[in-house]
C-alpha cells in the first residue's frame, strides 16, 4: 500500500495527461493497483515478470522456521539470488492480503503488454497468463521469452520492451 501510495503521488503531482505505466516484478503489482486507482489517467500498461499477489504465494511456500520467525519476530529473512537477503515482514504479508487482485476480475480496459521469461525462478510465467485472464481489457498481449529469466535485462529483452512501448504509444 505504501509503494502504491507513493506511485500515486508521483502520478498525481508530477505527470500530466494519460500515462503508460511500466512495472517489473513487485512493481507490476504496484502498476496494476495504481491503474485501478486512476483508470482515467492510464493509456497502457507494460508488465515485466509482474508479481501481483506474490505475498500470498510466498506465504504458501514458507516452512515451519519461516512461519515461527514471522510469528515470534515479526520478520523472516529469505535468501536472495540477486542481492542481500530479503527481509519479509509480517506487516508486508498482512498488507498484501488487502491488495489481492487475482481472485476476481480486474476492471482495467487499457492496452496491456505482459513480458515474462519462462526460465523465471522468482515469478512463474503462468502469473502473466492469469493476469491476462483476469483483466477486463481485450487488448492484452502476453509475450513469453523461452530462455528469459526474471530480470529480462539482456539487449534482446530490452528490445522487446521497446517494441511493447512503441506498440502502446
N, C-alpha and C. Protein backbone atom coordinates (compact mmCIF):
# COMPACT_ATOMS: atom_id res chain seq x y z
N UNK A 1 0.82 -1.20 0.00
CA UNK A 1 0.00 0.00 0.00
C UNK A 1 0.86 1.25 0.00
N UNK A 2 1.94 1.24 0.78
CA UNK A 2 2.82 2.42 0.83
C UNK A 2 3.42 2.70 -0.55
N UNK A 3 3.88 1.66 -1.22
CA UNK A 3 4.51 1.85 -2.54
C UNK A 3 3.47 2.32 -3.56
N UNK A 4 2.27 1.80 -3.48
CA UNK A 4 1.21 2.25 -4.39
C UNK A 4 0.87 3.70 -4.11
N UNK A 5 0.78 4.07 -2.84
CA UNK A 5 0.51 5.47 -2.48
C UNK A 5 1.62 6.40 -2.97
N UNK A 6 2.88 5.96 -2.85
CA UNK A 6 4.00 6.76 -3.35
C UNK A 6 3.88 6.97 -4.86
N UNK A 7 3.58 5.88 -5.58
CA UNK A 7 3.43 5.98 -7.04
C UNK A 7 2.25 6.87 -7.41
N UNK A 8 1.20 6.81 -6.62
CA UNK A 8 0.02 7.65 -6.86
C UNK A 8 0.38 9.13 -6.70
N UNK A 9 1.19 9.44 -5.71
CA UNK A 9 1.63 10.83 -5.52
C UNK A 9 2.41 11.33 -6.73
N UNK A 10 3.27 10.48 -7.27
CA UNK A 10 4.04 10.86 -8.46
C UNK A 10 3.11 11.06 -9.65
N UNK A 11 2.20 10.11 -9.87
CA UNK A 11 1.27 10.22 -10.99
C UNK A 11 0.44 11.50 -10.87
N UNK A 12 -0.06 11.77 -9.69
CA UNK A 12 -0.94 12.93 -9.49
C UNK A 12 -0.22 14.28 -9.50
N UNK A 13 1.01 14.32 -9.01
CA UNK A 13 1.66 15.61 -8.79
C UNK A 13 2.86 15.89 -9.69
N UNK A 14 3.31 14.89 -10.45
CA UNK A 14 4.48 15.09 -11.30
C UNK A 14 4.12 14.96 -12.78
N UNK A 15 3.09 14.19 -13.10
CA UNK A 15 2.75 13.95 -14.50
C UNK A 15 1.46 14.65 -14.87
N UNK A 16 1.26 14.79 -16.17
CA UNK A 16 0.02 15.34 -16.71
C UNK A 16 -0.45 14.43 -17.84
N UNK A 17 -1.74 14.36 -18.01
CA UNK A 17 -2.30 13.61 -19.12
C UNK A 17 -2.18 12.11 -18.95
N UNK A 18 -2.55 11.38 -20.00
CA UNK A 18 -2.51 9.92 -19.94
C UNK A 18 -1.07 9.41 -19.86
N UNK A 19 -0.89 8.35 -19.10
CA UNK A 19 0.44 7.78 -18.89
C UNK A 19 0.45 6.29 -19.23
N UNK A 20 1.62 5.82 -19.64
CA UNK A 20 1.86 4.38 -19.79
C UNK A 20 2.66 3.96 -18.57
N UNK A 21 2.10 3.05 -17.80
CA UNK A 21 2.76 2.57 -16.60
C UNK A 21 3.56 1.31 -16.91
N UNK A 22 4.77 1.24 -16.36
CA UNK A 22 5.64 0.08 -16.55
C UNK A 22 6.02 -0.42 -15.17
N UNK A 23 5.87 -1.73 -14.96
CA UNK A 23 6.24 -2.30 -13.67
C UNK A 23 6.91 -3.64 -13.85
N UNK A 24 7.95 -3.86 -13.06
CA UNK A 24 8.69 -5.11 -13.10
C UNK A 24 8.57 -5.82 -11.76
N UNK A 25 8.25 -7.09 -11.80
CA UNK A 25 8.14 -7.94 -10.62
C UNK A 25 7.11 -7.35 -9.65
N UNK A 26 7.53 -7.02 -8.44
CA UNK A 26 6.59 -6.42 -7.49
C UNK A 26 6.06 -5.10 -8.04
N UNK A 27 6.86 -4.40 -8.83
CA UNK A 27 6.41 -3.17 -9.46
C UNK A 27 5.24 -3.40 -10.41
N UNK A 28 5.12 -4.62 -10.94
CA UNK A 28 3.97 -4.96 -11.77
C UNK A 28 2.69 -4.99 -10.96
N UNK A 29 2.80 -5.42 -9.71
CA UNK A 29 1.65 -5.40 -8.80
C UNK A 29 1.27 -3.95 -8.50
N UNK A 30 2.27 -3.13 -8.18
CA UNK A 30 2.02 -1.72 -7.92
C UNK A 30 1.40 -1.06 -9.15
N UNK A 31 1.90 -1.39 -10.33
CA UNK A 31 1.38 -0.83 -11.58
C UNK A 31 -0.12 -1.13 -11.71
N UNK A 32 -0.52 -2.36 -11.45
CA UNK A 32 -1.93 -2.73 -11.56
C UNK A 32 -2.78 -2.01 -10.52
N UNK A 33 -2.29 -1.95 -9.28
CA UNK A 33 -3.03 -1.25 -8.23
C UNK A 33 -3.17 0.24 -8.55
N UNK A 34 -2.11 0.83 -9.07
CA UNK A 34 -2.14 2.25 -9.44
C UNK A 34 -3.14 2.49 -10.57
N UNK A 35 -3.11 1.61 -11.56
CA UNK A 35 -4.05 1.75 -12.68
C UNK A 35 -5.49 1.69 -12.19
N UNK A 36 -5.78 0.84 -11.23
CA UNK A 36 -7.14 0.75 -10.70
C UNK A 36 -7.56 2.04 -9.99
N UNK A 37 -6.61 2.73 -9.41
CA UNK A 37 -6.91 3.98 -8.71
C UNK A 37 -7.07 5.16 -9.66
N UNK A 38 -6.49 5.07 -10.86
CA UNK A 38 -6.55 6.18 -11.82
C UNK A 38 -6.83 5.65 -13.23
N UNK A 39 -7.91 4.93 -13.39
CA UNK A 39 -8.25 4.34 -14.69
C UNK A 39 -8.28 5.39 -15.80
N UNK A 40 -8.72 6.59 -15.49
CA UNK A 40 -8.84 7.65 -16.49
C UNK A 40 -7.49 8.24 -16.89
N UNK A 41 -6.44 7.96 -16.16
CA UNK A 41 -5.11 8.52 -16.45
C UNK A 41 -4.18 7.53 -17.14
N UNK A 42 -4.61 6.28 -17.28
CA UNK A 42 -3.71 5.25 -17.77
C UNK A 42 -4.02 4.91 -19.22
N UNK A 43 -3.02 5.12 -20.09
CA UNK A 43 -3.17 4.83 -21.51
C UNK A 43 -2.74 3.41 -21.85
N UNK A 44 -1.95 2.81 -20.99
CA UNK A 44 -1.48 1.45 -21.24
C UNK A 44 -0.60 0.97 -20.10
N UNK A 45 -0.41 -0.34 -20.07
CA UNK A 45 0.43 -0.97 -19.05
C UNK A 45 1.43 -1.91 -19.71
N UNK A 46 2.64 -1.92 -19.17
CA UNK A 46 3.64 -2.89 -19.59
C UNK A 46 4.17 -3.56 -18.34
N UNK A 47 3.95 -4.84 -18.24
CA UNK A 47 4.41 -5.60 -17.08
C UNK A 47 5.55 -6.53 -17.46
N UNK A 48 6.59 -6.52 -16.66
CA UNK A 48 7.75 -7.38 -16.87
C UNK A 48 7.83 -8.33 -15.67
N UNK A 49 7.54 -9.60 -15.91
CA UNK A 49 7.53 -10.59 -14.82
C UNK A 49 6.68 -10.07 -13.65
N UNK A 50 5.52 -9.57 -13.98
CA UNK A 50 4.65 -8.97 -12.97
C UNK A 50 4.29 -9.98 -11.88
N UNK A 51 4.24 -9.49 -10.64
CA UNK A 51 4.06 -10.40 -9.50
C UNK A 51 2.93 -9.98 -8.57
N UNK A 52 1.70 -9.75 -9.11
CA UNK A 52 0.62 -9.44 -8.18
C UNK A 52 0.37 -10.61 -7.24
N UNK A 53 -0.03 -10.30 -6.03
CA UNK A 53 -0.39 -11.30 -5.03
C UNK A 53 0.79 -12.18 -4.61
N UNK A 54 2.03 -11.72 -4.86
CA UNK A 54 3.18 -12.57 -4.55
C UNK A 54 3.27 -12.88 -3.06
N UNK A 55 2.75 -12.01 -2.21
CA UNK A 55 2.84 -12.27 -0.78
C UNK A 55 2.04 -13.52 -0.40
N UNK A 56 0.93 -13.73 -1.05
CA UNK A 56 0.12 -14.92 -0.78
C UNK A 56 0.86 -16.18 -1.23
N UNK A 57 1.42 -16.14 -2.43
CA UNK A 57 2.18 -17.30 -2.93
C UNK A 57 3.39 -17.55 -2.05
N UNK A 58 4.02 -16.48 -1.58
CA UNK A 58 5.19 -16.61 -0.73
C UNK A 58 4.82 -17.31 0.58
N UNK A 59 3.74 -16.88 1.19
CA UNK A 59 3.31 -17.50 2.45
C UNK A 59 3.02 -18.97 2.29
N UNK A 60 2.45 -19.34 1.16
CA UNK A 60 2.14 -20.74 0.91
C UNK A 60 3.40 -21.60 0.84
N UNK A 61 4.53 -20.98 0.52
CA UNK A 61 5.77 -21.74 0.37
C UNK A 61 6.63 -21.76 1.64
N UNK A 62 6.23 -21.03 2.69
CA UNK A 62 7.04 -20.95 3.91
C UNK A 62 7.12 -22.29 4.63
N UNK A 63 8.29 -22.56 5.16
CA UNK A 63 8.45 -23.74 6.01
C UNK A 63 8.14 -23.36 7.46
N UNK A 64 8.25 -24.33 8.36
CA UNK A 64 7.91 -24.08 9.77
C UNK A 64 8.80 -23.01 10.39
N UNK A 65 10.08 -22.98 10.03
CA UNK A 65 11.01 -21.99 10.58
C UNK A 65 10.57 -20.58 10.19
N UNK A 66 10.23 -20.39 8.92
CA UNK A 66 9.78 -19.06 8.46
C UNK A 66 8.51 -18.65 9.18
N UNK A 67 7.57 -19.56 9.31
CA UNK A 67 6.31 -19.24 9.99
C UNK A 67 6.55 -18.87 11.46
N UNK A 68 7.45 -19.60 12.11
CA UNK A 68 7.77 -19.32 13.51
C UNK A 68 8.44 -17.95 13.65
N UNK A 69 9.41 -17.67 12.75
CA UNK A 69 10.09 -16.36 12.80
C UNK A 69 9.11 -15.21 12.61
N UNK A 70 8.18 -15.37 11.68
CA UNK A 70 7.18 -14.32 11.46
C UNK A 70 6.31 -14.11 12.69
N UNK A 71 5.92 -15.20 13.31
CA UNK A 71 5.06 -15.11 14.49
C UNK A 71 5.81 -14.53 15.69
N UNK A 72 7.04 -15.00 15.91
CA UNK A 72 7.79 -14.59 17.10
C UNK A 72 8.55 -13.28 16.93
N UNK A 73 9.11 -13.06 15.72
CA UNK A 73 9.96 -11.89 15.50
C UNK A 73 9.30 -10.83 14.61
N UNK A 74 8.21 -11.22 13.96
CA UNK A 74 7.55 -10.29 13.05
C UNK A 74 8.27 -10.14 11.73
N UNK A 75 9.27 -11.02 11.48
CA UNK A 75 10.09 -10.92 10.27
C UNK A 75 10.74 -12.27 9.97
N UNK A 76 10.94 -12.50 8.70
CA UNK A 76 11.65 -13.68 8.23
C UNK A 76 12.68 -13.19 7.22
N UNK A 77 13.90 -13.73 7.29
CA UNK A 77 14.95 -13.36 6.34
C UNK A 77 15.07 -14.48 5.32
N UNK A 78 14.84 -14.11 4.07
CA UNK A 78 14.88 -15.10 2.98
C UNK A 78 16.07 -14.83 2.08
N UNK A 79 16.85 -15.87 1.77
CA UNK A 79 17.99 -15.68 0.87
C UNK A 79 17.53 -15.18 -0.51
N UNK A 80 18.41 -14.46 -1.18
CA UNK A 80 18.11 -13.92 -2.50
C UNK A 80 19.22 -14.29 -3.47
N UNK A 81 18.83 -14.58 -4.69
CA UNK A 81 19.81 -14.86 -5.75
C UNK A 81 20.39 -13.57 -6.31
N UNK A 82 19.81 -12.43 -5.97
CA UNK A 82 20.17 -11.18 -6.62
C UNK A 82 21.01 -10.24 -5.77
N UNK A 83 20.78 -10.18 -4.49
CA UNK A 83 21.49 -9.21 -3.64
C UNK A 83 21.41 -9.67 -2.20
N UNK A 84 21.40 -8.73 -1.27
CA UNK A 84 21.27 -9.08 0.14
C UNK A 84 19.98 -9.85 0.36
N UNK A 85 19.93 -10.63 1.43
CA UNK A 85 18.68 -11.37 1.71
C UNK A 85 17.49 -10.42 1.86
N UNK A 86 16.32 -10.94 1.53
CA UNK A 86 15.08 -10.17 1.67
C UNK A 86 14.59 -10.26 3.12
N UNK A 87 14.18 -9.14 3.65
CA UNK A 87 13.57 -9.11 4.97
C UNK A 87 12.06 -9.07 4.77
N UNK A 88 11.41 -10.19 4.97
CA UNK A 88 9.97 -10.30 4.78
C UNK A 88 9.31 -10.07 6.13
N UNK A 89 8.50 -9.02 6.23
CA UNK A 89 7.86 -8.69 7.50
C UNK A 89 6.40 -9.14 7.52
N UNK A 90 5.92 -9.38 8.70
CA UNK A 90 4.51 -9.72 8.87
C UNK A 90 3.63 -8.58 8.37
N UNK A 91 4.08 -7.34 8.57
CA UNK A 91 3.34 -6.18 8.09
C UNK A 91 3.16 -6.24 6.57
N UNK A 92 4.23 -6.60 5.83
CA UNK A 92 4.13 -6.72 4.37
C UNK A 92 3.12 -7.79 3.99
N UNK A 93 3.20 -8.95 4.63
CA UNK A 93 2.30 -10.04 4.30
C UNK A 93 0.85 -9.70 4.62
N UNK A 94 0.63 -9.06 5.76
CA UNK A 94 -0.73 -8.65 6.12
C UNK A 94 -1.27 -7.61 5.14
N UNK A 95 -0.43 -6.64 4.78
CA UNK A 95 -0.84 -5.61 3.83
C UNK A 95 -1.11 -6.22 2.45
N UNK A 96 -0.31 -7.19 2.08
CA UNK A 96 -0.52 -7.85 0.79
C UNK A 96 -1.92 -8.42 0.66
N UNK A 97 -2.45 -8.95 1.75
CA UNK A 97 -3.81 -9.51 1.72
C UNK A 97 -4.86 -8.45 1.41
N UNK A 98 -4.58 -7.20 1.73
CA UNK A 98 -5.52 -6.11 1.45
C UNK A 98 -5.45 -5.65 -0.01
N UNK A 99 -4.48 -6.19 -0.75
CA UNK A 99 -4.26 -5.75 -2.13
C UNK A 99 -4.32 -6.90 -3.14
N UNK A 100 -4.92 -8.00 -2.76
CA UNK A 100 -5.02 -9.16 -3.63
C UNK A 100 -5.86 -8.80 -4.87
N UNK A 101 -5.37 -9.19 -6.04
CA UNK A 101 -6.05 -8.87 -7.29
C UNK A 101 -6.57 -10.08 -8.06
N UNK A 102 -5.87 -11.19 -8.02
CA UNK A 102 -6.15 -12.27 -8.95
C UNK A 102 -7.29 -13.20 -8.53
N UNK A 103 -8.01 -12.84 -7.48
CA UNK A 103 -9.15 -13.66 -7.08
C UNK A 103 -10.47 -13.15 -7.65
N UNK A 104 -10.38 -12.15 -8.54
CA UNK A 104 -11.59 -11.57 -9.14
C UNK A 104 -11.22 -10.88 -10.46
N UNK A 105 -12.23 -10.43 -11.20
CA UNK A 105 -11.96 -9.68 -12.41
C UNK A 105 -11.28 -8.36 -12.05
N UNK A 106 -10.32 -7.96 -12.87
CA UNK A 106 -9.61 -6.70 -12.68
C UNK A 106 -10.15 -5.74 -13.74
N UNK A 107 -10.88 -4.69 -13.33
CA UNK A 107 -11.59 -3.82 -14.30
C UNK A 107 -10.69 -2.80 -15.00
N UNK A 108 -9.61 -3.28 -15.56
CA UNK A 108 -8.70 -2.43 -16.35
C UNK A 108 -8.99 -2.72 -17.82
N UNK A 109 -9.19 -1.67 -18.62
CA UNK A 109 -9.58 -1.86 -20.02
C UNK A 109 -8.56 -1.32 -21.03
N UNK A 110 -7.49 -0.72 -20.57
CA UNK A 110 -6.50 -0.16 -21.49
C UNK A 110 -5.64 -1.27 -22.10
N UNK A 111 -4.86 -0.95 -23.14
CA UNK A 111 -3.94 -1.94 -23.71
C UNK A 111 -2.89 -2.37 -22.67
N UNK A 112 -2.60 -3.66 -22.67
CA UNK A 112 -1.65 -4.24 -21.72
C UNK A 112 -0.71 -5.16 -22.47
N UNK A 113 0.59 -5.03 -22.18
CA UNK A 113 1.60 -5.92 -22.76
C UNK A 113 2.39 -6.52 -21.59
N UNK A 114 2.30 -7.82 -21.45
CA UNK A 114 3.00 -8.52 -20.38
C UNK A 114 4.14 -9.34 -20.97
N UNK A 115 5.33 -9.16 -20.45
CA UNK A 115 6.52 -9.87 -20.92
C UNK A 115 7.03 -10.72 -19.76
N UNK A 116 7.29 -11.99 -20.03
CA UNK A 116 7.71 -12.88 -18.94
C UNK A 116 8.66 -13.95 -19.45
N UNK A 117 9.73 -14.16 -18.72
CA UNK A 117 10.68 -15.22 -19.06
C UNK A 117 10.19 -16.56 -18.56
N UNK A 118 10.31 -17.56 -19.38
CA UNK A 118 9.85 -18.90 -19.00
C UNK A 118 10.84 -19.61 -18.08
N UNK A 119 12.03 -19.04 -17.93
CA UNK A 119 13.03 -19.59 -17.00
C UNK A 119 13.09 -18.77 -15.71
N UNK A 120 12.06 -17.99 -15.46
CA UNK A 120 11.99 -17.12 -14.29
C UNK A 120 11.83 -17.98 -13.03
N UNK A 121 12.82 -17.95 -12.16
CA UNK A 121 12.78 -18.73 -10.92
C UNK A 121 12.07 -17.97 -9.80
N UNK A 122 11.84 -16.67 -9.97
CA UNK A 122 11.23 -15.86 -8.91
C UNK A 122 9.71 -15.77 -9.06
N UNK A 123 9.22 -15.60 -10.29
CA UNK A 123 7.79 -15.47 -10.54
C UNK A 123 7.44 -16.36 -11.73
N UNK A 124 6.62 -17.36 -11.49
CA UNK A 124 6.24 -18.30 -12.54
C UNK A 124 5.54 -17.55 -13.68
N UNK A 125 5.89 -17.88 -14.90
CA UNK A 125 5.30 -17.17 -16.05
C UNK A 125 3.79 -17.36 -16.15
N UNK A 126 3.26 -18.36 -15.51
CA UNK A 126 1.81 -18.56 -15.53
C UNK A 126 1.06 -17.40 -14.86
N UNK A 127 1.76 -16.64 -14.01
CA UNK A 127 1.13 -15.47 -13.39
C UNK A 127 0.71 -14.47 -14.47
N UNK A 128 1.55 -14.28 -15.49
CA UNK A 128 1.18 -13.36 -16.58
C UNK A 128 -0.05 -13.86 -17.32
N UNK A 129 -0.17 -15.16 -17.49
CA UNK A 129 -1.36 -15.72 -18.14
C UNK A 129 -2.59 -15.50 -17.27
N UNK A 130 -2.41 -15.60 -15.95
CA UNK A 130 -3.52 -15.36 -15.04
C UNK A 130 -3.96 -13.90 -15.07
N UNK A 131 -3.00 -12.99 -15.12
CA UNK A 131 -3.34 -11.56 -15.24
C UNK A 131 -4.16 -11.35 -16.51
N UNK A 132 -3.70 -11.92 -17.61
CA UNK A 132 -4.40 -11.80 -18.90
C UNK A 132 -5.85 -12.27 -18.77
N UNK A 133 -6.05 -13.38 -18.08
CA UNK A 133 -7.40 -13.92 -17.92
C UNK A 133 -8.27 -13.06 -17.02
N UNK A 134 -7.68 -12.35 -16.07
CA UNK A 134 -8.45 -11.60 -15.07
C UNK A 134 -8.77 -10.16 -15.47
N UNK A 135 -7.93 -9.53 -16.31
CA UNK A 135 -8.22 -8.14 -16.68
C UNK A 135 -9.39 -8.09 -17.66
N UNK A 136 -10.12 -6.99 -17.59
CA UNK A 136 -11.28 -6.81 -18.46
C UNK A 136 -10.87 -6.49 -19.90
N UNK A 137 -9.71 -5.90 -20.07
CA UNK A 137 -9.25 -5.49 -21.39
C UNK A 137 -9.14 -6.68 -22.35
N UNK A 138 -9.55 -6.44 -23.59
CA UNK A 138 -9.33 -7.43 -24.64
C UNK A 138 -8.01 -7.19 -25.37
N UNK A 139 -7.42 -6.02 -25.14
CA UNK A 139 -6.17 -5.65 -25.81
C UNK A 139 -4.99 -6.04 -24.94
N UNK A 140 -4.80 -7.34 -24.76
CA UNK A 140 -3.73 -7.85 -23.91
C UNK A 140 -2.82 -8.75 -24.74
N UNK A 141 -1.55 -8.46 -24.65
CA UNK A 141 -0.52 -9.31 -25.27
C UNK A 141 0.31 -9.92 -24.16
N UNK A 142 0.48 -11.22 -24.21
CA UNK A 142 1.40 -11.90 -23.29
C UNK A 142 2.54 -12.43 -24.13
N UNK A 143 3.73 -11.96 -23.84
CA UNK A 143 4.92 -12.36 -24.58
C UNK A 143 5.80 -13.20 -23.66
N UNK A 144 5.96 -14.47 -24.02
CA UNK A 144 6.80 -15.38 -23.23
C UNK A 144 8.15 -15.53 -23.91
N UNK A 145 9.20 -15.36 -23.13
CA UNK A 145 10.57 -15.48 -23.63
C UNK A 145 11.10 -16.82 -23.15
N UNK A 146 11.25 -17.75 -24.08
CA UNK A 146 11.57 -19.13 -23.71
C UNK A 146 12.83 -19.24 -22.86
N UNK A 147 13.87 -18.49 -23.20
CA UNK A 147 15.12 -18.57 -22.44
C UNK A 147 15.29 -17.41 -21.47
N UNK A 148 14.23 -16.64 -21.25
CA UNK A 148 14.30 -15.47 -20.39
C UNK A 148 14.19 -15.80 -18.92
N UNK A 149 14.93 -15.06 -18.11
CA UNK A 149 14.89 -15.21 -16.66
C UNK A 149 14.12 -14.03 -16.06
N UNK A 150 14.21 -13.87 -14.76
CA UNK A 150 13.37 -12.89 -14.07
C UNK A 150 13.64 -11.44 -14.47
N UNK A 151 14.87 -11.08 -14.57
CA UNK A 151 15.19 -9.66 -14.79
C UNK A 151 14.95 -9.18 -16.22
N UNK A 152 15.03 -10.06 -17.18
CA UNK A 152 14.83 -9.69 -18.59
C UNK A 152 15.57 -8.40 -18.93
N UNK A 153 16.87 -8.40 -18.68
CA UNK A 153 17.67 -7.18 -18.88
C UNK A 153 18.71 -7.32 -19.99
N UNK A 154 18.67 -8.42 -20.73
CA UNK A 154 19.59 -8.57 -21.86
C UNK A 154 19.17 -7.61 -22.98
N UNK A 155 20.09 -7.34 -23.90
CA UNK A 155 19.78 -6.42 -25.00
C UNK A 155 18.52 -6.85 -25.75
N UNK A 156 18.39 -8.14 -26.05
CA UNK A 156 17.22 -8.61 -26.80
C UNK A 156 15.93 -8.47 -25.97
N UNK A 157 16.04 -8.57 -24.65
CA UNK A 157 14.87 -8.37 -23.80
C UNK A 157 14.46 -6.90 -23.78
N UNK A 158 15.44 -6.03 -23.70
CA UNK A 158 15.16 -4.58 -23.71
C UNK A 158 14.57 -4.15 -25.04
N UNK A 159 14.99 -4.80 -26.12
CA UNK A 159 14.41 -4.50 -27.43
C UNK A 159 12.93 -4.89 -27.46
N UNK A 160 12.57 -5.98 -26.81
CA UNK A 160 11.16 -6.40 -26.72
C UNK A 160 10.35 -5.37 -25.91
N UNK A 161 10.97 -4.87 -24.85
CA UNK A 161 10.31 -3.83 -24.03
C UNK A 161 10.07 -2.58 -24.87
N UNK A 162 11.06 -2.18 -25.66
CA UNK A 162 10.91 -1.01 -26.52
C UNK A 162 9.81 -1.23 -27.55
N UNK A 163 9.74 -2.43 -28.12
CA UNK A 163 8.69 -2.76 -29.07
C UNK A 163 7.31 -2.65 -28.41
N UNK A 164 7.18 -3.16 -27.18
CA UNK A 164 5.91 -3.08 -26.48
C UNK A 164 5.51 -1.64 -26.23
N UNK A 165 6.47 -0.82 -25.83
CA UNK A 165 6.21 0.59 -25.59
C UNK A 165 5.76 1.28 -26.87
N UNK A 166 6.50 1.04 -27.96
CA UNK A 166 6.13 1.64 -29.25
C UNK A 166 4.72 1.22 -29.68
N UNK A 167 4.37 -0.03 -29.46
CA UNK A 167 3.05 -0.54 -29.86
C UNK A 167 1.93 0.16 -29.08
N UNK A 168 2.16 0.40 -27.79
CA UNK A 168 1.13 1.07 -26.99
C UNK A 168 1.04 2.56 -27.34
N UNK A 169 2.20 3.16 -27.58
CA UNK A 169 2.18 4.58 -27.98
C UNK A 169 1.43 4.74 -29.28
